[in-house]
Amino acid sequence: MELKNLKKSLTIQGVVVSDAMDKTVVIEIVTRKVHPRFKKIMTKTSRVKIHDEKNECQVGDKVIAVETRPLSKQKHHKLVKVVEKAKLV
């Protein structure tokens, strides 16, 4: 899959927070918005399970995923590519 052909609304970018499951990783997506009345920046985080066919993701990696047909009860996204690998300390 090429990133040029994908719609922006179907792709998500986040950081891997769990890779304990087989062929599945959990990513965390951070969204920042300005409150309409109080003008304060609000941070919202959401967690999404994505399908990782090759088990190539590790905790801390930045990844891009695309929306697909339902793969299971909670998985509706598939891994496109790893943008940045986690730094090992």
C-alpha atoms as a PDB file:
ATOM      1  CA  MET A   1       0.000   0.000   0.000  1.00  0.00           C
ATOM      2  CA  GLU A   2       1.278   3.427  -0.853  1.00  0.00           C
ATOM      3  CA  LEU A   3       0.596   6.388   1.382  1.00  0.00           C
ATOM      4  CA  LYS A   4      -0.162   8.616  -1.613  1.00  0.00           C
ATOM      5  CA  ASN A   5      -3.264   6.621  -2.542  1.00  0.00           C
ATOM      6  CA  LEU A   6      -4.781   6.595   0.963  1.00  0.00           C
ATOM      7  CA  LYS A   7      -7.340   9.130   2.118  1.00  0.00           C
ATOM      8  CA  LYS A   8      -6.335  11.216   5.104  1.00  0.00           C
ATOM      9  CA  SER A   9      -9.554  10.364   6.948  1.00  0.00           C
ATOM     10  CA  LEU A  10      -8.780   6.633   6.769  1.00  0.00           C
ATOM     11  CA  THR A  11      -5.235   6.826   8.150  1.00  0.00           C
ATOM     12  CA  ILE A  12      -4.209   7.273  11.758  1.00  0.00           C
ATOM     13  CA  GLN A  13      -0.822   7.891  13.334  1.00  0.00           C
ATOM     14  CA  GLY A  14       0.135   6.964  16.857  1.00  0.00           C
ATOM     15  CA  VAL A  15       2.662   5.469  19.243  1.00  0.00           C
ATOM     16  CA  VAL A  16       2.708   1.774  20.159  1.00  0.00           C
ATOM     17  CA  VAL A  17       1.942   1.268  23.852  1.00  0.00           C
ATOM     18  CA  SER A  18       1.536  -2.531  23.925  1.00  0.00           C
ATOM     19  CA  ASP A  19       2.759  -5.417  21.780  1.00  0.00           C
ATOM     20  CA  ALA A  20       1.939  -8.325  24.090  1.00  0.00           C
ATOM     21  CA  MET A  21      -0.599  -9.930  21.725  1.00  0.00           C
ATOM     22  CA  ASP A  22       0.263 -12.023  18.673  1.00  0.00           C
ATOM     23  CA  LYS A  23      -0.095 -10.039  15.399  1.00  0.00           C
ATOM     24  CA  THR A  24      -1.812  -7.189  17.274  1.00  0.00           C
ATOM     25  CA  VAL A  25      -0.472  -3.965  18.743  1.00  0.00           C
ATOM     26  CA  VAL A  26      -2.201  -1.214  20.696  1.00  0.00           C
ATOM     27  CA  ILE A  27      -1.464   2.351  19.614  1.00  0.00           C
ATOM     28  CA  GLU A  28      -2.322   5.567  21.386  1.00  0.00           C
ATOM     29  CA  ILE A  29      -3.583   8.523  19.362  1.00  0.00           C
ATOM     30  CA  VAL A  30      -3.274  12.014  20.867  1.00  0.00           C
ATOM     31  CA  THR A  31      -5.673  14.723  19.665  1.00  0.00           C
ATOM     32  CA  ARG A  32      -5.391  18.363  20.757  1.00  0.00           C
ATOM     33  CA  LYS A  33      -8.269  20.829  20.414  1.00  0.00           C
ATOM     34  CA  VAL A  34      -9.020  24.315  21.650  1.00  0.00           C
ATOM     35  CA  HIS A  35     -12.111  24.550  23.841  1.00  0.00           C
ATOM     36  CA  PRO A  36     -14.645  26.803  22.063  1.00  0.00           C
ATOM     37  CA  ARG A  37     -15.628  28.785  25.130  1.00  0.00           C
ATOM     38  CA  PHE A  38     -12.664  28.748  27.499  1.00  0.00           C
ATOM     39  CA  LYS A  39      -9.885  28.721  24.847  1.00  0.00           C
ATOM     40  CA  LYS A  40      -7.939  26.099  26.749  1.00  0.00           C
ATOM     41  CA  ILE A  41      -6.078  23.399  24.831  1.00  0.00           C
ATOM     42  CA  MET A  42      -7.679  20.047  25.597  1.00  0.00           C
ATOM     43  CA  THR A  43      -5.752  16.803  25.058  1.00  0.00           C
ATOM     44  CA  LYS A  44      -7.692  13.641  24.258  1.00  0.00           C
ATOM     45  CA  THR A  45      -6.075  10.227  23.967  1.00  0.00           C
ATOM     46  CA  SER A  46      -7.645   7.154  22.437  1.00  0.00           C
ATOM     47  CA  ARG A  47      -6.337   3.617  22.097  1.00  0.00           C
ATOM     48  CA  VAL A  48      -6.818   1.529  18.978  1.00  0.00           C
ATOM     49  CA  LYS A  49      -5.860  -2.081  18.284  1.00  0.00           C
ATOM     50  CA  ILE A  50      -4.206  -2.573  14.890  1.00  0.00           C
ATOM     51  CA  HIS A  51      -3.222  -5.683  12.944  1.00  0.00           C
ATOM     52  CA  ASP A  52       0.546  -6.258  12.649  1.00  0.00           C
ATOM     53  CA  GLU A  53       0.992  -9.253  10.338  1.00  0.00           C
ATOM     54  CA  LYS A  54       4.784  -9.583  10.722  1.00  0.00           C
ATOM     55  CA  ASN A  55       5.043  -8.660  14.434  1.00  0.00           C
ATOM     56  CA  GLU A  56       7.516  -5.909  13.527  1.00  0.00           C
ATOM     57  CA  CYS A  57       6.306  -3.193  15.937  1.00  0.00           C
ATOM     58  CA  GLN A  58       7.700  -2.671  19.402  1.00  0.00           C
ATOM     59  CA  VAL A  59       6.680  -0.411  22.285  1.00  0.00           C
ATOM     60  CA  GLY A  60       7.560   3.211  21.534  1.00  0.00           C
ATOM     61  CA  ASP A  61       7.457   2.978  17.719  1.00  0.00           C
ATOM     62  CA  LYS A  62       5.591   5.648  15.753  1.00  0.00           C
ATOM     63  CA  VAL A  63       3.335   3.948  13.193  1.00  0.00           C
ATOM     64  CA  ILE A  64       0.765   4.716  10.502  1.00  0.00           C
ATOM     65  CA  ALA A  65      -2.337   2.529  10.206  1.00  0.00           C
ATOM     66  CA  VAL A  66      -5.207   2.448   7.741  1.00  0.00           C
ATOM     67  CA  GLU A  67      -8.854   1.578   8.315  1.00  0.00           C
ATOM     68  CA  THR A  68      -9.951  -1.813   6.907  1.00  0.00           C
ATOM     69  CA  ARG A  69     -12.819  -4.232   7.162  1.00  0.00           C
ATOM     70  CA  PRO A  70     -13.386  -5.635  10.663  1.00  0.00           C
ATOM     71  CA  LEU A  71     -10.656  -8.187  11.374  1.00  0.00           C
ATOM     72  CA  SER A  72     -12.028  -9.109  14.802  1.00  0.00           C
ATOM     73  CA  LYS A  73     -14.317  -7.653  17.450  1.00  0.00           C
ATOM     74  CA  GLN A  74     -11.941  -4.792  18.253  1.00  0.00           C
ATOM     75  CA  LYS A  75      -9.501  -4.634  15.309  1.00  0.00           C
ATOM     76  CA  HIS A  76     -10.503  -2.410  12.394  1.00  0.00           C
ATOM     77  CA  HIS A  77      -7.099  -1.050  11.346  1.00  0.00           C
ATOM     78  CA  LYS A  78      -4.058  -2.515   9.633  1.00  0.00           C
ATOM     79  CA  LEU A  79      -0.418  -1.446   9.918  1.00  0.00           C
ATOM     80  CA  VAL A  80       0.893   0.465   6.882  1.00  0.00           C
ATOM     81  CA  LYS A  81       4.420   1.333   7.985  1.00  0.00           C
ATOM     82  CA  VAL A  82       6.655   2.115  10.919  1.00  0.00           C
ATOM     83  CA  VAL A  83       7.577   5.801  10.718  1.00  0.00           C
ATOM     84  CA  GLU A  84      10.172   5.829  13.505  1.00  0.00           C
ATOM     85  CA  LYS A  85      11.628   3.010  15.573  1.00  0.00           C
ATOM     86  CA  ALA A  86      11.841   3.359  19.351  1.00  0.00           C
ATOM     87  CA  LYS A  87      15.172   4.414  20.806  1.00  0.00           C
ATOM     88  CA  LEU A  88      16.702   1.693  22.964  1.00  0.00           C
ATOM     89  CA  VAL A  89      18.101   2.883  26.273  1.00  0.00           C
END
